Amino acid sequence: MLTTNQQERNPTQRERLILTLMIEGHSTAEIAGLLGTTPHVIRNQVQHLRDRFAATNEALIAMAVRLEWIACPIEVRQDERQRHERRRQKQKADRD
C-alpha cells in the first residue's frame, strides 16, 4: 500500500488575504506591515503557494480570481477622447 501526504489544494484564509493584497498592488513590505509580520514571512508564504500550485505570482493571482478564491473588482474606464476617436474612425471606415 502506497501512502502519500496530500496538501489541501485551496489556499487558507490568510493565503487568500495575501493574494488579495497582491492583486491590490501592495508590495511585500506593505503586506507584511498590514498583517503584522515580516516581509520574509510573506515571501515564504507566497513561495509556498507558488510551489504548491507550480505557478508564478501572476499565474497564482489569475488562478485565484478564476477559481473565485478571491474577488477582483476591476474598474474599466474609457477616456472620453479615446471613445470619440474610435467613433470617428468607425464613421470614416463606414464611409469608405
PDB file of N, CA and C in Angstrom:
ATOM      1  N   MET A   1       0.841  -1.177   0.000  1.00  0.00           N
ATOM      2  CA  MET A   1       0.000   0.000   0.000  1.00  0.00           C
ATOM      3  C   MET A   1       0.888   1.243   0.000  1.00  0.00           C
ATOM      4  N   LEU A   2       0.577   2.173  -0.903  1.00  0.00           N
ATOM      5  CA  LEU A   2       1.343   3.396  -1.033  1.00  0.00           C
ATOM      6  C   LEU A   2       0.569   4.530  -0.360  1.00  0.00           C
ATOM      7  N   THR A   3       1.207   5.196   0.563  1.00  0.00           N
ATOM      8  CA  THR A   3       0.577   6.305   1.265  1.00  0.00           C
ATOM      9  C   THR A   3       1.257   7.605   0.854  1.00  0.00           C
ATOM     10  N   THR A   4       0.467   8.590   0.545  1.00  0.00           N
ATOM     11  CA  THR A   4       1.027   9.896   0.182  1.00  0.00           C
ATOM     12  C   THR A   4       0.466  10.963   1.105  1.00  0.00           C
ATOM     13  N   ASN A   5       1.226  11.990   1.282  1.00  0.00           N
ATOM     14  CA  ASN A   5       0.793  13.116   2.090  1.00  0.00           C
ATOM     15  C   ASN A   5       0.269  14.194   1.143  1.00  0.00           C
ATOM     16  N   GLN A   6      -1.025  14.364   1.089  1.00  0.00           N
ATOM     17  CA  GLN A   6      -1.607  15.347   0.190  1.00  0.00           C
ATOM     18  C   GLN A   6      -1.925  16.623   0.949  1.00  0.00           C
ATOM     19  N   GLN A   7      -1.519  17.736   0.359  1.00  0.00           N
ATOM     20  CA  GLN A   7      -1.852  19.028   0.938  1.00  0.00           C
ATOM     21  C   GLN A   7      -3.204  19.480   0.412  1.00  0.00           C
ATOM     22  N   GLU A   8      -3.888  20.245   1.208  1.00  0.00           N
ATOM     23  CA  GLU A   8      -5.139  20.817   0.753  1.00  0.00           C
ATOM     24  C   GLU A   8      -4.847  21.733  -0.422  1.00  0.00           C
ATOM     25  N   ARG A   9      -5.636  21.647  -1.476  1.00  0.00           N
ATOM     26  CA  ARG A   9      -5.370  22.419  -2.684  1.00  0.00           C
ATOM     27  C   ARG A   9      -5.811  23.880  -2.561  1.00  0.00           C
ATOM     28  N   ASN A  10      -6.887  24.133  -1.897  1.00  0.00           N
ATOM     29  CA  ASN A  10      -7.347  25.514  -1.785  1.00  0.00           C
ATOM     30  C   ASN A  10      -6.501  26.276  -0.775  1.00  0.00           C
ATOM     31  N   PRO A  11      -6.243  27.557  -1.072  1.00  0.00           N
ATOM     32  CA  PRO A  11      -5.440  28.342  -0.131  1.00  0.00           C
ATOM     33  C   PRO A  11      -6.191  28.613   1.171  1.00  0.00           C
ATOM     34  N   THR A  12      -5.433  28.812   2.225  1.00  0.00           N
ATOM     35  CA  THR A  12      -6.021  29.151   3.520  1.00  0.00           C
ATOM     36  C   THR A  12      -6.571  30.569   3.462  1.00  0.00           C
ATOM     37  N   GLN A  13      -7.287  30.951   4.490  1.00  0.00           N
ATOM     38  CA  GLN A  13      -7.843  32.305   4.561  1.00  0.00           C
ATOM     39  C   GLN A  13      -6.721  33.345   4.523  1.00  0.00           C
ATOM     40  N   ARG A  14      -5.641  33.089   5.234  1.00  0.00           N
ATOM     41  CA  ARG A  14      -4.511  34.026   5.246  1.00  0.00           C
ATOM     42  C   ARG A  14      -3.862  34.113   3.865  1.00  0.00           C
ATOM     43  N   GLU A  15      -3.708  32.967   3.194  1.00  0.00           N
ATOM     44  CA  GLU A  15      -3.136  32.974   1.848  1.00  0.00           C
ATOM     45  C   GLU A  15      -4.031  33.752   0.885  1.00  0.00           C
ATOM     46  N   ARG A  16      -5.334  33.609   1.059  1.00  0.00           N
ATOM     47  CA  ARG A  16      -6.269  34.379   0.220  1.00  0.00           C
ATOM     48  C   ARG A  16      -6.127  35.874   0.492  1.00  0.00           C
ATOM     49  N   LEU A  17      -5.935  36.226   1.739  1.00  0.00           N
ATOM     50  CA  LEU A  17      -5.745  37.631   2.093  1.00  0.00           C
ATOM     51  C   LEU A  17      -4.472  38.173   1.443  1.00  0.00           C
ATOM     52  N   ILE A  18      -3.406  37.398   1.487  1.00  0.00           N
ATOM     53  CA  ILE A  18      -2.150  37.816   0.856  1.00  0.00           C
ATOM     54  C   ILE A  18      -2.351  37.999  -0.646  1.00  0.00           C
ATOM     55  N   LEU A  19      -3.041  37.051  -1.287  1.00  0.00           N
ATOM     56  CA  LEU A  19      -3.311  37.167  -2.721  1.00  0.00           C
ATOM     57  C   LEU A  19      -4.154  38.405  -3.024  1.00  0.00           C
ATOM     58  N   THR A  20      -5.130  38.683  -2.177  1.00  0.00           N
ATOM     59  CA  THR A  20      -5.970  39.871  -2.364  1.00  0.00           C
ATOM     60  C   THR A  20      -5.130  41.137  -2.261  1.00  0.00           C
ATOM     61  N   LEU A  21      -4.254  41.190  -1.277  1.00  0.00           N
ATOM     62  CA  LEU A  21      -3.395  42.366  -1.127  1.00  0.00           C
ATOM     63  C   LEU A  21      -2.427  42.492  -2.299  1.00  0.00           C
ATOM     64  N   MET A  22      -1.966  41.353  -2.830  1.00  0.00           N
ATOM     65  CA  MET A  22      -1.098  41.385  -4.008  1.00  0.00           C
ATOM     66  C   MET A  22      -1.840  41.961  -5.202  1.00  0.00           C
ATOM     67  N   ILE A  23      -3.082  41.531  -5.388  1.00  0.00           N
ATOM     68  CA  ILE A  23      -3.852  41.991  -6.535  1.00  0.00           C
ATOM     69  C   ILE A  23      -4.183  43.483  -6.426  1.00  0.00           C
ATOM     70  N   GLU A  24      -4.228  43.975  -5.206  1.00  0.00           N
ATOM     71  CA  GLU A  24      -4.458  45.401  -4.991  1.00  0.00           C
ATOM     72  C   GLU A  24      -3.199  46.222  -5.233  1.00  0.00           C
ATOM     73  N   GLY A  25      -2.078  45.539  -5.476  1.00  0.00           N
ATOM     74  CA  GLY A  25      -0.845  46.232  -5.824  1.00  0.00           C
ATOM     75  C   GLY A  25       0.089  46.521  -4.663  1.00  0.00           C
ATOM     76  N   HIS A  26      -0.158  45.915  -3.519  1.00  0.00           N
ATOM     77  CA  HIS A  26       0.718  46.137  -2.358  1.00  0.00           C
ATOM     78  C   HIS A  26       2.030  45.384  -2.525  1.00  0.00           C
ATOM     79  N   SER A  27       3.102  45.984  -2.047  1.00  0.00           N
ATOM     80  CA  SER A  27       4.410  45.324  -2.066  1.00  0.00           C
ATOM     81  C   SER A  27       4.484  44.315  -0.925  1.00  0.00           C
ATOM     82  N   THR A  28       5.509  43.490  -0.964  1.00  0.00           N
ATOM     83  CA  THR A  28       5.721  42.509   0.103  1.00  0.00           C
ATOM     84  C   THR A  28       5.856  43.202   1.450  1.00  0.00           C
ATOM     85  N   ALA A  29       6.611  44.295   1.479  1.00  0.00           N
ATOM     86  CA  ALA A  29       6.799  45.040   2.736  1.00  0.00           C
ATOM     87  C   ALA A  29       5.477  45.624   3.233  1.00  0.00           C
ATOM     88  N   GLU A  30       4.674  46.139   2.316  1.00  0.00           N
ATOM     89  CA  GLU A  30       3.374  46.699   2.716  1.00  0.00           C
ATOM     90  C   GLU A  30       2.450  45.614   3.248  1.00  0.00           C
ATOM     91  N   ILE A  31       2.434  44.464   2.585  1.00  0.00           N
ATOM     92  CA  ILE A  31       1.599  43.351   3.043  1.00  0.00           C
ATOM     93  C   ILE A  31       2.034  42.907   4.437  1.00  0.00           C
ATOM     94  N   ALA A  32       3.346  42.818   4.626  1.00  0.00           N
ATOM     95  CA  ALA A  32       3.864  42.424   5.942  1.00  0.00           C
ATOM     96  C   ALA A  32       3.423  43.417   7.007  1.00  0.00           C
ATOM     97  N   GLY A  33       3.510  44.700   6.703  1.00  0.00           N
ATOM     98  CA  GLY A  33       3.085  45.720   7.658  1.00  0.00           C
ATOM     99  C   GLY A  33       1.613  45.620   7.984  1.00  0.00           C
ATOM    100  N   LEU A  34       0.792  45.401   6.954  1.00  0.00           N
ATOM    101  CA  LEU A  34      -0.656  45.293   7.164  1.00  0.00           C
ATOM    102  C   LEU A  34      -1.029  44.062   7.992  1.00  0.00           C
ATOM    103  N   LEU A  35      -0.257  42.988   7.824  1.00  0.00           N
ATOM    104  CA  LEU A  35      -0.565  41.744   8.536  1.00  0.00           C
ATOM    105  C   LEU A  35       0.237  41.574   9.825  1.00  0.00           C
ATOM    106  N   GLY A  36       1.080  42.543  10.134  1.00  0.00           N
ATOM    107  CA  GLY A  36       1.838  42.500  11.381  1.00  0.00           C
ATOM    108  C   GLY A  36       2.898  41.407  11.408  1.00  0.00           C
ATOM    109  N   THR A  37       3.556  41.219  10.287  1.00  0.00           N
ATOM    110  CA  THR A  37       4.614  40.211  10.216  1.00  0.00           C
ATOM    111  C   THR A  37       5.794  40.797   9.448  1.00  0.00           C
ATOM    112  N   THR A  38       6.734  39.968   9.067  1.00  0.00           N
ATOM    113  CA  THR A  38       7.907  40.463   8.350  1.00  0.00           C
ATOM    114  C   THR A  38       7.790  40.148   6.858  1.00  0.00           C
ATOM    115  N   PRO A  39       8.491  40.914   6.024  1.00  0.00           N
ATOM    116  CA  PRO A  39       8.494  40.613   4.586  1.00  0.00           C
ATOM    117  C   PRO A  39       9.006  39.196   4.293  1.00  0.00           C
ATOM    118  N   HIS A  40       9.936  38.709   5.108  1.00  0.00           N
ATOM    119  CA  HIS A  40      10.464  37.356   4.937  1.00  0.00           C
ATOM    120  C   HIS A  40       9.346  36.314   5.051  1.00  0.00           C
ATOM    121  N   VAL A  41       8.476  36.481   6.028  1.00  0.00           N
ATOM    122  CA  VAL A  41       7.360  35.544   6.228  1.00  0.00           C
ATOM    123  C   VAL A  41       6.425  35.589   5.026  1.00  0.00           C
ATOM    124  N   ILE A  42       6.129  36.788   4.523  1.00  0.00           N
ATOM    125  CA  ILE A  42       5.241  36.929   3.369  1.00  0.00           C
ATOM    126  C   ILE A  42       5.871  36.280   2.142  1.00  0.00           C
ATOM    127  N   ARG A  43       7.170  36.532   1.914  1.00  0.00           N
ATOM    128  CA  ARG A  43       7.858  35.908   0.777  1.00  0.00           C
ATOM    129  C   ARG A  43       7.798  34.383   0.874  1.00  0.00           C
ATOM    130  N   ASN A  44       7.981  33.860   2.072  1.00  0.00           N
ATOM    131  CA  ASN A  44       7.907  32.401   2.264  1.00  0.00           C
ATOM    132  C   ASN A  44       6.511  31.865   1.962  1.00  0.00           C
ATOM    133  N   GLN A  45       5.487  32.583   2.407  1.00  0.00           N
ATOM    134  CA  GLN A  45       4.123  32.124   2.166  1.00  0.00           C
ATOM    135  C   GLN A  45       3.781  32.160   0.672  1.00  0.00           C
ATOM    136  N   VAL A  46       4.231  33.213  -0.012  1.00  0.00           N
ATOM    137  CA  VAL A  46       3.996  33.302  -1.457  1.00  0.00           C
ATOM    138  C   VAL A  46       4.778  32.204  -2.184  1.00  0.00           C
ATOM    139  N   GLN A  47       6.009  31.961  -1.756  1.00  0.00           N
ATOM    140  CA  GLN A  47       6.801  30.889  -2.367  1.00  0.00           C
ATOM    141  C   GLN A  47       6.134  29.537  -2.148  1.00  0.00           C
ATOM    142  N   HIS A  48       5.573  29.334  -0.975  1.00  0.00           N
ATOM    143  CA  HIS A  48       4.862  28.092  -0.681  1.00  0.00           C
ATOM    144  C   HIS A  48       3.681  27.924  -1.648  1.00  0.00           C
ATOM    145  N   LEU A  49       2.952  29.009  -1.889  1.00  0.00           N
ATOM    146  CA  LEU A  49       1.837  28.954  -2.840  1.00  0.00           C
ATOM    147  C   LEU A  49       2.343  28.640  -4.246  1.00  0.00           C
ATOM    148  N   ARG A  50       3.430  29.314  -4.644  1.00  0.00           N
ATOM    149  CA  ARG A  50       3.991  29.062  -5.989  1.00  0.00           C
ATOM    150  C   ARG A  50       4.415  27.602  -6.127  1.00  0.00           C
ATOM    151  N   ASP A  51       5.053  27.061  -5.099  1.00  0.00           N
ATOM    152  CA  ASP A  51       5.477  25.657  -5.134  1.00  0.00           C
ATOM    153  C   ASP A  51       4.283  24.713  -5.184  1.00  0.00           C
ATOM    154  N   ARG A  52       3.289  24.995  -4.367  1.00  0.00           N
ATOM    155  CA  ARG A  52       2.123  24.118  -4.283  1.00  0.00           C
ATOM    156  C   ARG A  52       1.339  24.087  -5.583  1.00  0.00           C
ATOM    157  N   PHE A  53       1.236  25.234  -6.253  1.00  0.00           N
ATOM    158  CA  PHE A  53       0.446  25.312  -7.477  1.00  0.00           C
ATOM    159  C   PHE A  53       1.303  25.379  -8.733  1.00  0.00           C
ATOM    160  N   ALA A  54       2.624  25.298  -8.571  1.00  0.00           N
ATOM    161  CA  ALA A  54       3.549  25.345  -9.715  1.00  0.00           C
ATOM    162  C   ALA A  54       3.217  26.523 -10.614  1.00  0.00           C
ATOM    163  N   ALA A  55       3.221  27.713 -10.023  1.00  0.00           N
ATOM    164  CA  ALA A  55       2.803  28.902 -10.766  1.00  0.00           C
ATOM    165  C   ALA A  55       3.632  30.114 -10.370  1.00  0.00           C
ATOM    166  N   THR A  56       3.666  31.083 -11.267  1.00  0.00           N
ATOM    167  CA  THR A  56       4.289  32.369 -10.969  1.00  0.00           C
ATOM    168  C   THR A  56       3.309  33.210 -10.167  1.00  0.00           C
ATOM    169  N   ASN A  57       3.752  34.367  -9.682  1.00  0.00           N
ATOM    170  CA  ASN A  57       2.841  35.255  -8.947  1.00  0.00           C
ATOM    171  C   ASN A  57       1.635  35.625  -9.806  1.00  0.00           C
ATOM    172  N   GLU A  58       1.892  35.965 -11.059  1.00  0.00           N
ATOM    173  CA  GLU A  58       0.804  36.367 -11.942  1.00  0.00           C
ATOM    174  C   GLU A  58      -0.171  35.222 -12.176  1.00  0.00           C
ATOM    175  N   ALA A  59       0.368  34.025 -12.384  1.00  0.00           N
ATOM    176  CA  ALA A  59      -0.483  32.858 -12.592  1.00  0.00           C
ATOM    177  C   ALA A  59      -1.273  32.521 -11.329  1.00  0.00           C
ATOM    178  N   LEU A  60      -0.644  32.703 -10.162  1.00  0.00           N
ATOM    179  CA  LEU A  60      -1.361  32.472  -8.897  1.00  0.00           C
ATOM    180  C   LEU A  60      -2.551  33.401  -8.772  1.00  0.00           C
ATOM    181  N   ILE A  61      -2.329  34.666  -9.077  1.00  0.00           N
ATOM    182  CA  ILE A  61      -3.407  35.645  -8.980  1.00  0.00           C
ATOM    183  C   ILE A  61      -4.512  35.316  -9.981  1.00  0.00           C
ATOM    184  N   ALA A  62      -4.130  34.993 -11.212  1.00  0.00           N
ATOM    185  CA  ALA A  62      -5.120  34.636 -12.225  1.00  0.00           C
ATOM    186  C   ALA A  62      -5.926  33.410 -11.798  1.00  0.00           C
ATOM    187  N   MET A  63      -5.238  32.406 -11.255  1.00  0.00           N
ATOM    188  CA  MET A  63      -5.905  31.193 -10.785  1.00  0.00           C
ATOM    189  C   MET A  63      -6.853  31.515  -9.630  1.00  0.00           C
ATOM    190  N   ALA A  64      -6.392  32.349  -8.702  1.00  0.00           N
ATOM    191  CA  ALA A  64      -7.203  32.690  -7.529  1.00  0.00           C
ATOM    192  C   ALA A  64      -8.481  33.417  -7.940  1.00  0.00           C
ATOM    193  N   VAL A  65      -8.375  34.285  -8.930  1.00  0.00           N
ATOM    194  CA  VAL A  65      -9.567  35.002  -9.403  1.00  0.00           C
ATOM    195  C   VAL A  65     -10.480  34.049 -10.164  1.00  0.00           C
ATOM    196  N   ARG A  66      -9.898  33.267 -11.068  1.00  0.00           N
ATOM    197  CA  ARG A  66     -10.687  32.349 -11.897  1.00  0.00           C
ATOM    198  C   ARG A  66     -11.436  31.322 -11.047  1.00  0.00           C
ATOM    199  N   LEU A  67     -10.777  30.805 -10.014  1.00  0.00           N
ATOM    200  CA  LEU A  67     -11.410  29.806  -9.147  1.00  0.00           C
ATOM    201  C   LEU A  67     -12.217  30.434  -8.020  1.00  0.00           C
ATOM    202  N   GLU A  68     -12.303  31.771  -8.052  1.00  0.00           N
ATOM    203  CA  GLU A  68     -13.086  32.543  -7.088  1.00  0.00           C
ATOM    204  C   GLU A  68     -12.620  32.356  -5.652  1.00  0.00           C
ATOM    205  N   TRP A  69     -11.284  32.200  -5.495  1.00  0.00           N
ATOM    206  CA  TRP A  69     -10.725  32.191  -4.148  1.00  0.00           C
ATOM    207  C   TRP A  69     -10.700  33.601  -3.610  1.00  0.00           C
ATOM    208  N   ILE A  70     -10.512  34.564  -4.505  1.00  0.00           N
ATOM    209  CA  ILE A  70     -10.506  35.974  -4.125  1.00  0.00           C
ATOM    210  C   ILE A  70     -11.332  36.754  -5.144  1.00  0.00           C
ATOM    211  N   ALA A  71     -11.803  37.908  -4.726  1.00  0.00           N
ATOM    212  CA  ALA A  71     -12.555  38.783  -5.624  1.00  0.00           C
ATOM    213  C   ALA A  71     -11.599  39.788  -6.238  1.00  0.00           C
ATOM    214  N   CYS A  72     -11.870  40.142  -7.466  1.00  0.00           N
ATOM    215  CA  CYS A  72     -11.030  41.110  -8.161  1.00  0.00           C
ATOM    216  C   CYS A  72     -11.912  42.191  -8.747  1.00  0.00           C
ATOM    217  N   PRO A  73     -12.183  43.229  -7.962  1.00  0.00           N
ATOM    218  CA  PRO A  73     -13.009  44.307  -8.512  1.00  0.00           C
ATOM    219  C   PRO A  73     -12.194  45.112  -9.517  1.00  0.00           C
ATOM    220  N   ILE A  74     -12.592  45.043 -10.769  1.00  0.00           N
ATOM    221  CA  ILE A  74     -11.885  45.763 -11.816  1.00  0.00           C
ATOM    222  C   ILE A  74     -12.791  46.872 -12.325  1.00  0.00           C
ATOM    223  N   GLU A  75     -12.245  48.044 -12.350  1.00  0.00           N
ATOM    224  CA  GLU A  75     -12.991  49.179 -12.863  1.00  0.00           C
ATOM    225  C   GLU A  75     -12.405  49.525 -14.221  1.00  0.00           C
ATOM    226  N   VAL A  76     -13.228  49.407 -15.235  1.00  0.00           N
ATOM    227  CA  VAL A  76     -12.778  49.706 -16.586  1.00  0.00           C
ATOM    228  C   VAL A  76     -13.371  51.045 -16.989  1.00  0.00           C
ATOM    229  N   ARG A  77     -12.483  51.978 -17.310  1.00  0.00           N
ATOM    230  CA  ARG A  77     -12.927  53.287 -17.750  1.00  0.00           C
ATOM    231  C   ARG A  77     -12.304  53.588 -19.091  1.00  0.00           C
ATOM    232  N   GLN A  78     -13.047  54.230 -19.892  1.00  0.00           N
ATOM    233  CA  GLN A  78     -12.527  54.616 -21.194  1.00  0.00           C
ATOM    234  C   GLN A  78     -12.513  56.132 -21.253  1.00  0.00           C
ATOM    235  N   ASP A  79     -11.388  56.646 -21.610  1.00  0.00           N
ATOM    236  CA  ASP A  79     -11.239  58.081 -21.733  1.00  0.00           C
ATOM    237  C   ASP A  79     -12.188  58.599 -22.806  1.00  0.00           C
ATOM    238  N   GLU A  80     -12.853  59.700 -22.534  1.00  0.00           N
ATOM    239  CA  GLU A  80     -13.820  60.277 -23.474  1.00  0.00           C
ATOM    240  C   GLU A  80     -13.171  60.571 -24.830  1.00  0.00           C
ATOM    241  N   ARG A  81     -11.944  61.029 -24.815  1.00  0.00           N
ATOM    242  CA  ARG A  81     -11.249  61.333 -26.061  1.00  0.00           C
ATOM    243  C   ARG A  81     -11.035  60.067 -26.891  1.00  0.00           C
ATOM    244  N   GLN A  82     -10.646  58.970 -26.228  1.00  0.00           N
ATOM    245  CA  GLN A  82     -10.450  57.707 -26.939  1.00  0.00           C
ATOM    246  C   GLN A  82     -11.767  57.215 -27.541  1.00  0.00           C
ATOM    247  N   ARG A  83     -12.834  57.328 -26.783  1.00  0.00           N
ATOM    248  CA  ARG A  83     -14.142  56.896 -27.263  1.00  0.00           C
ATOM    249  C   ARG A  83     -14.554  57.708 -28.490  1.00  0.00           C
ATOM    250  N   HIS A  84     -14.340  59.018 -28.427  1.00  0.00           N
ATOM    251  CA  HIS A  84     -14.682  59.896 -29.544  1.00  0.00           C
ATOM    252  C   HIS A  84     -13.836  59.548 -30.769  1.00  0.00           C
ATOM    253  N   GLU A  85     -12.542  59.302 -30.582  1.00  0.00           N
ATOM    254  CA  GLU A  85     -11.651  58.966 -31.690  1.00  0.00           C
ATOM    255  C   GLU A  85     -12.055  57.638 -32.333  1.00  0.00           C
ATOM    256  N   ARG A  86     -12.412  56.660 -31.550  1.00  0.00           N
ATOM    257  CA  ARG A  86     -12.848  55.378 -32.111  1.00  0.00           C
ATOM    258  C   ARG A  86     -14.140  55.534 -32.897  1.00  0.00           C
ATOM    259  N   ARG A  87     -15.047  56.337 -32.375  1.00  0.00           N
ATOM    260  CA  ARG A  87     -16.310  56.587 -33.069  1.00  0.00           C
ATOM    261  C   ARG A  87     -16.038  57.256 -34.414  1.00  0.00           C
ATOM    262  N   ARG A  88     -15.125  58.226 -34.431  1.00  0.00           N
ATOM    263  CA  ARG A  88     -14.772  58.951 -35.650  1.00  0.00           C
ATOM    264  C   ARG A  88     -14.125  58.015 -36.670  1.00  0.00           C
ATOM    265  N   GLN A  89     -13.219  57.138 -36.200  1.00  0.00           N
ATOM    266  CA  GLN A  89     -12.574  56.188 -37.100  1.00  0.00           C
ATOM    267  C   GLN A  89     -13.576  55.207 -37.691  1.00  0.00           C
ATOM    268  N   LYS A  90     -14.531  54.780 -36.882  1.00  0.00           N
ATOM    269  CA  LYS A  90     -15.558  53.857 -37.363  1.00  0.00           C
ATOM    270  C   LYS A  90     -16.418  54.530 -38.415  1.00  0.00           C
ATOM    271  N   GLN A  91     -16.805  55.768 -38.163  1.00  0.00           N
ATOM    272  CA  GLN A  91     -17.625  56.507 -39.147  1.00  0.00           C
ATOM    273  C   GLN A  91     -16.870  56.682 -40.450  1.00  0.00           C
ATOM    274  N   LYS A  92     -15.574  56.990 -40.355  1.00  0.00           N
ATOM    275  CA  LYS A  92     -14.744  57.159 -41.552  1.00  0.00           C
ATOM    276  C   LYS A  92     -14.655  55.838 -42.320  1.00  0.00           C
ATOM    277  N   ALA A  93     -14.457  54.733 -41.608  1.00  0.00           N
ATOM    278  CA  ALA A  93     -14.362  53.420 -42.253  1.00  0.00           C
ATOM    279  C   ALA A  93     -15.684  53.049 -42.909  1.00  0.00           C
ATOM    280  N   ASP A  94     -16.793  53.409 -42.273  1.00  0.00           N
ATOM    281  CA  ASP A  94     -18.114  53.111 -42.849  1.00  0.00           C
ATOM    282  C   ASP A  94     -18.337  53.879 -44.150  1.00  0.00           C
ATOM    283  N   ARG A  95     -17.808  55.104 -44.223  1.00  0.00           N
ATOM    284  CA  ARG A  95     -17.962  55.924 -45.437  1.00  0.00           C
ATOM    285  C   ARG A  95     -17.144  55.387 -46.598  1.00  0.00           C
ATOM    286  N   ASP A  96     -15.975  54.801 -46.268  1.00  0.00           N
ATOM    287  CA  ASP A  96     -15.054  54.326 -47.326  1.00  0.00           C
ATOM    288  C   ASP A  96     -15.490  53.037 -47.909  1.00  0.00           C
TER     289      ASP A  96
END
